[in-house]
Amino acid sequence: GLLLAGSTGCAAAPSIRVVVEGTGT
């Protein structure tokens, strides 16, 4: 029961990346 609950109920934390790029300032 614990294995089934753990494998279906919890989503992994997202990997978030913010990038600002270009030739400007």
PDB file of all heavy atoms in Angstrom:
ATOM      1  N   GLY A   1       0.817  -1.217   0.000  1.00  0.00           N
ATOM      2  CA  GLY A   1       0.000   0.000   0.000  1.00  0.00           C
ATOM      3  C   GLY A   1       0.842   1.255   0.000  1.00  0.00           C
ATOM      4  O   GLY A   1       0.582   2.206  -0.725  1.00  0.00           O
ATOM      5  N   LEU A   2       1.882   1.280   0.800  1.00  0.00           N
ATOM      6  CA  LEU A   2       2.781   2.437   0.849  1.00  0.00           C
ATOM      7  C   LEU A   2       3.529   2.622  -0.465  1.00  0.00           C
ATOM      8  O   LEU A   2       3.704   3.739  -0.945  1.00  0.00           O
ATOM      9  CB  LEU A   2       3.777   2.301   2.001  1.00  0.00           C
ATOM     10  CG  LEU A   2       3.202   2.456   3.399  1.00  0.00           C
ATOM     11  CD1 LEU A   2       4.265   2.119   4.450  1.00  0.00           C
ATOM     12  CD2 LEU A   2       2.680   3.866   3.605  1.00  0.00           C
ATOM     13  N   LEU A   3       3.986   1.557  -1.059  1.00  0.00           N
ATOM     14  CA  LEU A   3       4.683   1.652  -2.344  1.00  0.00           C
ATOM     15  C   LEU A   3       3.763   2.185  -3.431  1.00  0.00           C
ATOM     16  O   LEU A   3       4.155   3.029  -4.231  1.00  0.00           O
ATOM     17  CB  LEU A   3       5.246   0.287  -2.755  1.00  0.00           C
ATOM     18  CG  LEU A   3       6.454  -0.192  -1.960  1.00  0.00           C
ATOM     19  CD1 LEU A   3       6.810  -1.619  -2.343  1.00  0.00           C
ATOM     20  CD2 LEU A   3       7.641   0.723  -2.187  1.00  0.00           C
ATOM     21  N   LEU A   4       2.530   1.711  -3.482  1.00  0.00           N
ATOM     22  CA  LEU A   4       1.589   2.190  -4.492  1.00  0.00           C
ATOM     23  C   LEU A   4       1.248   3.654  -4.274  1.00  0.00           C
ATOM     24  O   LEU A   4       1.196   4.438  -5.221  1.00  0.00           O
ATOM     25  CB  LEU A   4       0.311   1.348  -4.475  1.00  0.00           C
ATOM     26  CG  LEU A   4       0.445  -0.071  -5.025  1.00  0.00           C
ATOM     27  CD1 LEU A   4      -0.852  -0.838  -4.822  1.00  0.00           C
ATOM     28  CD2 LEU A   4       0.840  -0.054  -6.485  1.00  0.00           C
ATOM     29  N   ALA A   5       1.032   4.064  -3.053  1.00  0.00           N
ATOM     30  CA  ALA A   5       0.704   5.460  -2.758  1.00  0.00           C
ATOM     31  C   ALA A   5       1.863   6.372  -3.123  1.00  0.00           C
ATOM     32  O   ALA A   5       1.683   7.442  -3.698  1.00  0.00           O
ATOM     33  CB  ALA A   5       0.337   5.623  -1.285  1.00  0.00           C
ATOM     34  N   GLY A   6       3.065   5.952  -2.806  1.00  0.00           N
ATOM     35  CA  GLY A   6       4.239   6.765  -3.104  1.00  0.00           C
ATOM     36  C   GLY A   6       4.518   6.880  -4.585  1.00  0.00           C
ATOM     37  O   GLY A   6       4.999   7.890  -5.063  1.00  0.00           O
ATOM     38  N   SER A   7       4.205   5.864  -5.357  1.00  0.00           N
ATOM     39  CA  SER A   7       4.538   5.904  -6.775  1.00  0.00           C
ATOM     40  C   SER A   7       3.503   6.635  -7.615  1.00  0.00           C
ATOM     41  O   SER A   7       3.799   7.047  -8.722  1.00  0.00           O
ATOM     42  CB  SER A   7       4.726   4.482  -7.313  1.00  0.00           C
ATOM     43  OG  SER A   7       3.506   3.782  -7.257  1.00  0.00           O
ATOM     44  N   THR A   8       2.288   6.811  -7.126  1.00  0.00           N
ATOM     45  CA  THR A   8       1.257   7.452  -7.938  1.00  0.00           C
ATOM     46  C   THR A   8       0.859   8.827  -7.454  1.00  0.00           C
ATOM     47  O   THR A   8       0.360   9.622  -8.222  1.00  0.00           O
ATOM     48  CB  THR A   8      -0.014   6.576  -7.981  1.00  0.00           C
ATOM     49  OG1 THR A   8      -0.478   6.400  -6.647  1.00  0.00           O
ATOM     50  CG2 THR A   8       0.258   5.240  -8.648  1.00  0.00           C
ATOM     51  N   GLY A   9       1.085   9.150  -6.186  1.00  0.00           N
ATOM     52  CA  GLY A   9       0.541  10.383  -5.652  1.00  0.00           C
ATOM     53  C   GLY A   9       1.485  11.580  -5.632  1.00  0.00           C
ATOM     54  O   GLY A   9       1.056  12.689  -5.423  1.00  0.00           O
ATOM     55  N   CYS A  10       2.752  11.387  -5.823  1.00  0.00           N
ATOM     56  CA  CYS A  10       3.696  12.482  -5.676  1.00  0.00           C
ATOM     57  C   CYS A  10       4.385  12.795  -6.997  1.00  0.00           C
ATOM     58  O   CYS A  10       4.994  11.915  -7.600  1.00  0.00           O
ATOM     59  CB  CYS A  10       4.762  12.131  -4.636  1.00  0.00           C
ATOM     60  SG  CYS A  10       4.059  11.834  -3.005  1.00  0.00           S
ATOM     61  N   ALA A  11       4.285  14.026  -7.421  1.00  0.00           N
ATOM     62  CA  ALA A  11       4.974  14.448  -8.643  1.00  0.00           C
ATOM     63  C   ALA A  11       6.350  14.987  -8.272  1.00  0.00           C
ATOM     64  O   ALA A  11       6.550  15.560  -7.210  1.00  0.00           O
ATOM     65  CB  ALA A  11       4.156  15.532  -9.348  1.00  0.00           C
ATOM     66  N   ALA A  12       7.282  14.797  -9.160  1.00  0.00           N
ATOM     67  CA  ALA A  12       8.637  15.303  -8.934  1.00  0.00           C
ATOM     68  C   ALA A  12       8.642  16.820  -9.042  1.00  0.00           C
ATOM     69  O   ALA A  12       7.833  17.412  -9.755  1.00  0.00           O
ATOM     70  CB  ALA A  12       9.580  14.697  -9.959  1.00  0.00           C
ATOM     71  N   ALA A  13       9.559  17.457  -8.333  1.00  0.00           N
ATOM     72  CA  ALA A  13       9.693  18.922  -8.408  1.00  0.00           C
ATOM     73  C   ALA A  13      10.123  19.316  -9.816  1.00  0.00           C
ATOM     74  O   ALA A  13      10.953  18.647 -10.423  1.00  0.00           O
ATOM     75  CB  ALA A  13      10.722  19.400  -7.391  1.00  0.00           C
ATOM     76  N   PRO A  14       9.563  20.388 -10.355  1.00  0.00           N
ATOM     77  CA  PRO A  14       9.935  20.807 -11.700  1.00  0.00           C
ATOM     78  C   PRO A  14      11.337  21.418 -11.730  1.00  0.00           C
ATOM     79  O   PRO A  14      11.820  21.945 -10.739  1.00  0.00           O
ATOM     80  CB  PRO A  14       8.884  21.864 -12.037  1.00  0.00           C
ATOM     81  CG  PRO A  14       8.502  22.433 -10.715  1.00  0.00           C
ATOM     82  CD  PRO A  14       8.572  21.274  -9.752  1.00  0.00           C
ATOM     83  N   SER A  15      11.968  21.334 -12.871  1.00  0.00           N
ATOM     84  CA  SER A  15      13.247  21.998 -13.106  1.00  0.00           C
ATOM     85  C   SER A  15      12.941  23.267 -13.897  1.00  0.00           C
ATOM     86  O   SER A  15      12.538  23.198 -15.059  1.00  0.00           O
ATOM     87  CB  SER A  15      14.172  21.082 -13.896  1.00  0.00           C
ATOM     88  OG  SER A  15      15.306  21.793 -14.325  1.00  0.00           O
ATOM     89  N   ILE A  16      13.092  24.427 -13.264  1.00  0.00           N
ATOM     90  CA  ILE A  16      12.739  25.711 -13.884  1.00  0.00           C
ATOM     91  C   ILE A  16      14.012  26.482 -14.187  1.00  0.00           C
ATOM     92  O   ILE A  16      14.887  26.606 -13.331  1.00  0.00           O
ATOM     93  CB  ILE A  16      11.844  26.537 -12.943  1.00  0.00           C
ATOM     94  CG1 ILE A  16      10.576  25.748 -12.603  1.00  0.00           C
ATOM     95  CG2 ILE A  16      11.514  27.883 -13.573  1.00  0.00           C
ATOM     96  CD1 ILE A  16       9.794  26.315 -11.460  1.00  0.00           C
ATOM     97  N   ARG A  17      14.080  26.994 -15.395  1.00  0.00           N
ATOM     98  CA  ARG A  17      15.247  27.787 -15.798  1.00  0.00           C
ATOM     99  C   ARG A  17      14.758  29.038 -16.506  1.00  0.00           C
ATOM    100  O   ARG A  17      13.921  28.975 -17.396  1.00  0.00           O
ATOM    101  CB  ARG A  17      16.121  26.967 -16.734  1.00  0.00           C
ATOM    102  CG  ARG A  17      17.493  27.524 -16.938  1.00  0.00           C
ATOM    103  CD  ARG A  17      18.350  26.533 -17.664  1.00  0.00           C
ATOM    104  NE  ARG A  17      17.884  26.395 -19.030  1.00  0.00           N
ATOM    105  CZ  ARG A  17      18.682  26.380 -20.087  1.00  0.00           C
ATOM    106  NH1 ARG A  17      19.973  26.457 -19.946  1.00  0.00           N
ATOM    107  NH2 ARG A  17      18.179  26.262 -21.283  1.00  0.00           N
ATOM    108  N   VAL A  18      15.266  30.199 -16.086  1.00  0.00           N
ATOM    109  CA  VAL A  18      14.978  31.475 -16.739  1.00  0.00           C
ATOM    110  C   VAL A  18      16.272  31.953 -17.382  1.00  0.00           C
ATOM    111  O   VAL A  18      17.314  31.995 -16.725  1.00  0.00           O
ATOM    112  CB  VAL A  18      14.467  32.521 -15.718  1.00  0.00           C
ATOM    113  CG1 VAL A  18      14.419  33.899 -16.343  1.00  0.00           C
ATOM    114  CG2 VAL A  18      13.112  32.124 -15.182  1.00  0.00           C
ATOM    115  N   VAL A  19      16.191  32.306 -18.665  1.00  0.00           N
ATOM    116  CA  VAL A  19      17.362  32.767 -19.404  1.00  0.00           C
ATOM    117  C   VAL A  19      17.018  34.078 -20.095  1.00  0.00           C
ATOM    118  O   VAL A  19      15.962  34.193 -20.721  1.00  0.00           O
ATOM    119  CB  VAL A  19      17.779  31.731 -20.482  1.00  0.00           C
ATOM    120  CG1 VAL A  19      18.959  32.237 -21.282  1.00  0.00           C
ATOM    121  CG2 VAL A  19      18.092  30.400 -19.845  1.00  0.00           C
ATOM    122  N   VAL A  20      17.901  35.064 -19.970  1.00  0.00           N
ATOM    123  CA  VAL A  20      17.784  36.310 -20.741  1.00  0.00           C
ATOM    124  C   VAL A  20      19.091  36.427 -21.512  1.00  0.00           C
ATOM    125  O   VAL A  20      20.170  36.414 -20.929  1.00  0.00           O
ATOM    126  CB  VAL A  20      17.575  37.550 -19.838  1.00  0.00           C
ATOM    127  CG1 VAL A  20      17.504  38.812 -20.686  1.00  0.00           C
ATOM    128  CG2 VAL A  20      16.320  37.390 -18.993  1.00  0.00           C
ATOM    129  N   GLU A  21      18.965  36.521 -22.833  1.00  0.00           N
ATOM    130  CA  GLU A  21      20.157  36.561 -23.664  1.00  0.00           C
ATOM    131  C   GLU A  21      19.932  37.456 -24.878  1.00  0.00           C
ATOM    132  O   GLU A  21      18.809  37.805 -25.191  1.00  0.00           O
ATOM    133  CB  GLU A  21      20.544  35.151 -24.119  1.00  0.00           C
ATOM    134  CG  GLU A  21      19.443  34.448 -24.884  1.00  0.00           C
ATOM    135  CD  GLU A  21      19.711  32.969 -25.097  1.00  0.00           C
ATOM    136  OE1 GLU A  21      20.733  32.463 -24.608  1.00  0.00           O
ATOM    137  OE2 GLU A  21      18.891  32.326 -25.755  1.00  0.00           O
ATOM    138  N   GLY A  22      21.005  37.813 -25.522  1.00  0.00           N
ATOM    139  CA  GLY A  22      20.937  38.625 -26.721  1.00  0.00           C
ATOM    140  C   GLY A  22      22.116  39.575 -26.787  1.00  0.00           C
ATOM    141  O   GLY A  22      23.045  39.507 -25.971  1.00  0.00           O
ATOM    142  N   THR A  23      22.048  40.477 -27.747  1.00  0.00           N
ATOM    143  CA  THR A  23      23.157  41.412 -27.953  1.00  0.00           C
ATOM    144  C   THR A  23      23.006  42.679 -27.134  1.00  0.00           C
ATOM    145  O   THR A  23      23.900  43.518 -27.134  1.00  0.00           O
ATOM    146  CB  THR A  23      23.237  41.791 -29.438  1.00  0.00           C
ATOM    147  OG1 THR A  23      21.982  42.352 -29.837  1.00  0.00           O
ATOM    148  CG2 THR A  23      23.542  40.573 -30.294  1.00  0.00           C
ATOM    149  N   GLY A  24      21.886  42.842 -26.439  1.00  0.00           N
ATOM    150  CA  GLY A  24      21.610  44.068 -25.714  1.00  0.00           C
ATOM    151  C   GLY A  24      21.983  44.051 -24.253  1.00  0.00           C
ATOM    152  O   GLY A  24      22.572  43.099 -23.736  1.00  0.00           O
ATOM    153  N   THR A  25      21.603  45.137 -23.589  1.00  0.00           N
ATOM    154  CA  THR A  25      21.786  45.296 -22.146  1.00  0.00           C
ATOM    155  C   THR A  25      20.485  45.843 -21.567  1.00  0.00           C
ATOM    156  O   THR A  25      19.599  46.275 -22.304  1.00  0.00           O
ATOM    157  CB  THR A  25      22.923  46.290 -21.831  1.00  0.00           C
ATOM    158  OG1 THR A  25      22.587  47.566 -22.384  1.00  0.00           O
ATOM    159  CG2 THR A  25      24.248  45.818 -22.399  1.00  0.00           C
TER     160      THR A  25
END
